[in-house]
């Protein structure tokens, strides 16, 4: 079976802040930036991985979402409990230094976890958890 991950979706409630974080701080390239009905969907991804993307989407555009559900999503985003992504780097400490210098919200400094990985964690401007794991 030939299946790969093409796109993952993370909510954003401030497209300009999301763009600054993922493009300027993380160094991802912008693949698409689409506006519709006052909302924006921004597709970003690592420069050297053209087939893997993250779509930063407005959660209120989710089909069938009720006002109550939208409020719940917004509350969870504000607490940082709604969405997350795990990225990988050969230099977690270097990435941590770059993100910290870019004023990203630090959740966890680089740590050797008891389950065998070294990682760090940040929150993006929407509150999404961004974990970065060390890979060889």
Protein backbone atom coordinates (compact mmCIF):
# COMPACT_ATOMS: atom_id res chain seq x y z
CA UNK A 1 0.00 0.00 0.00
CA UNK A 2 1.41 3.40 -0.99
CA UNK A 3 0.05 5.97 1.48
CA UNK A 4 1.80 9.04 2.82
CA UNK A 5 0.83 12.01 4.96
CA UNK A 6 0.07 14.92 2.65
CA UNK A 7 -1.57 17.56 4.84
CA UNK A 8 -2.38 18.02 8.49
CA UNK A 9 -4.70 20.74 9.75
CA UNK A 10 -4.14 23.10 12.66
CA UNK A 11 -6.59 25.82 13.63
CA UNK A 12 -5.55 29.45 13.62
CA UNK A 13 -7.46 32.48 14.82
CA UNK A 14 -4.99 35.13 13.61
CA UNK A 15 -3.67 34.40 10.12
CA UNK A 16 -0.94 37.05 10.25
CA UNK A 17 0.41 35.75 13.59
CA UNK A 18 0.24 32.15 12.31
CA UNK A 19 2.09 33.15 9.17
CA UNK A 20 4.79 34.94 11.16
CA UNK A 21 5.28 31.89 13.42
CA UNK A 22 5.33 29.15 10.78
CA UNK A 23 7.12 31.11 8.03
CA UNK A 24 9.38 33.52 9.87
CA UNK A 25 10.13 31.68 13.11
CA UNK A 26 10.00 28.01 12.01
CA UNK A 27 11.29 28.72 8.50
CA UNK A 28 8.52 26.92 6.62
CA UNK A 29 7.62 28.02 3.13
CA UNK A 30 4.16 29.30 2.28
CA UNK A 31 2.56 27.06 -0.30
CA UNK A 32 -0.87 28.65 -0.44
CA UNK A 33 -2.68 31.58 1.17
CA UNK A 34 -6.37 31.63 0.31
CA UNK A 35 -9.01 34.04 1.52
CA UNK A 36 -12.75 33.43 1.35
CA UNK A 37 -15.64 35.14 3.15
CA UNK A 38 -13.27 37.07 5.42
CA UNK A 39 -11.34 33.93 6.45
CA UNK A 40 -7.88 32.65 5.44
CA UNK A 41 -6.42 29.21 4.93
CA UNK A 42 -2.61 29.18 4.86
CA UNK A 43 -0.68 26.12 3.73
CA UNK A 44 2.92 25.87 4.94
CA UNK A 45 5.59 23.20 4.98
CA UNK A 46 9.29 22.45 5.23
CA UNK A 47 11.21 23.72 2.20
CA UNK A 48 12.82 20.32 1.55
CA UNK A 49 9.55 18.36 1.91
CA UNK A 50 7.23 19.61 -0.83
CA UNK A 51 4.75 16.75 -0.36
CA UNK A 52 4.11 17.39 3.36
CA UNK A 53 2.08 20.39 4.48
CA UNK A 54 0.23 21.92 7.39
CA UNK A 55 -2.96 23.80 6.59
CA UNK A 56 -3.62 26.59 9.08
CA UNK A 57 -7.38 26.95 8.93
CA UNK A 58 -10.08 29.08 10.55
CA UNK A 59 -11.95 26.69 12.87
CA UNK A 60 -15.25 28.52 12.34
CA UNK A 61 -15.17 27.25 8.74
CA UNK A 62 -15.55 23.63 9.87
CA UNK A 63 -18.64 22.24 8.12
CA UNK A 64 -21.57 21.66 10.44
CA UNK A 65 -20.01 23.31 13.50
CA UNK A 66 -22.56 24.84 15.85
CA UNK A 67 -22.07 28.12 17.70
CA UNK A 68 -21.67 26.18 20.96
CA UNK A 69 -19.07 23.89 19.43
CA UNK A 70 -17.22 26.88 17.96
CA UNK A 71 -17.10 28.50 21.41
CA UNK A 72 -15.79 25.26 22.91
CA UNK A 73 -13.08 25.04 20.25
CA UNK A 74 -12.09 28.67 20.89
CA UNK A 75 -11.91 28.01 24.65
CA UNK A 76 -9.77 24.91 24.12
CA UNK A 77 -7.48 26.77 21.71
CA UNK A 78 -7.03 29.54 24.28
CA UNK A 79 -5.97 26.93 26.87
CA UNK A 80 -3.73 25.13 24.38
CA UNK A 81 -5.67 21.87 24.62
CA UNK A 82 -7.30 21.63 21.20
CA UNK A 83 -4.65 20.67 18.65
CA UNK A 84 -1.01 19.67 18.38
CA UNK A 85 1.67 18.67 15.93
CA UNK A 86 4.94 16.80 16.43
CA UNK A 87 7.83 17.91 14.24
CA UNK A 88 11.33 16.46 14.04
CA UNK A 89 14.82 17.90 13.77
CA UNK A 90 18.38 16.64 13.85
CA UNK A 91 19.19 19.59 16.13
CA UNK A 92 16.46 20.08 18.75
CA UNK A 93 18.65 22.38 20.83
CA UNK A 94 19.40 24.62 17.85
CA UNK A 95 15.72 24.77 16.87
CA UNK A 96 14.83 25.56 20.48
CA UNK A 97 17.29 28.47 20.53
CA UNK A 98 15.88 29.83 17.26
CA UNK A 99 12.27 29.58 18.43
CA UNK A 100 13.03 31.06 21.82
CA UNK A 101 14.83 33.99 20.15
CA UNK A 102 11.72 34.45 17.98
CA UNK A 103 9.59 34.97 21.10
CA UNK A 104 7.68 31.69 20.73
CA UNK A 105 5.86 30.64 23.91
CA UNK A 106 8.10 28.02 25.51
CA UNK A 107 6.27 25.10 27.12
CA UNK A 108 9.26 22.81 27.67
CA UNK A 109 12.98 23.28 27.15
CA UNK A 110 14.90 20.45 25.42
CA UNK A 111 14.55 17.42 27.67
CA UNK A 112 15.61 13.77 27.53
CA UNK A 113 12.29 12.03 28.14
CA UNK A 114 12.07 8.77 30.11
CA UNK A 115 10.35 7.17 27.10
CA UNK A 116 13.47 7.56 24.95
CA UNK A 117 13.20 10.81 22.99
CA UNK A 118 14.74 14.23 23.39
CA UNK A 119 12.23 16.95 22.67
CA UNK A 120 11.02 20.47 23.41
CA UNK A 121 7.64 22.14 23.15
CA UNK A 122 6.13 25.50 22.22
CA UNK A 123 2.70 26.95 21.63
CA UNK A 124 1.96 28.64 18.35
CA UNK A 125 -0.01 31.92 18.35
CA UNK A 126 -3.35 30.04 18.35
CA UNK A 127 -2.33 27.92 21.36
CA UNK A 128 -1.57 24.73 19.40
CA UNK A 129 1.10 22.56 21.00
CA UNK A 130 4.17 22.23 18.76
CA UNK A 131 6.54 19.51 19.97
CA UNK A 132 9.90 19.01 18.27
CA UNK A 133 11.67 15.69 18.66
CA UNK A 134 15.32 14.91 18.06
CA UNK A 135 15.95 12.48 15.20
CA UNK A 136 19.23 11.07 13.91
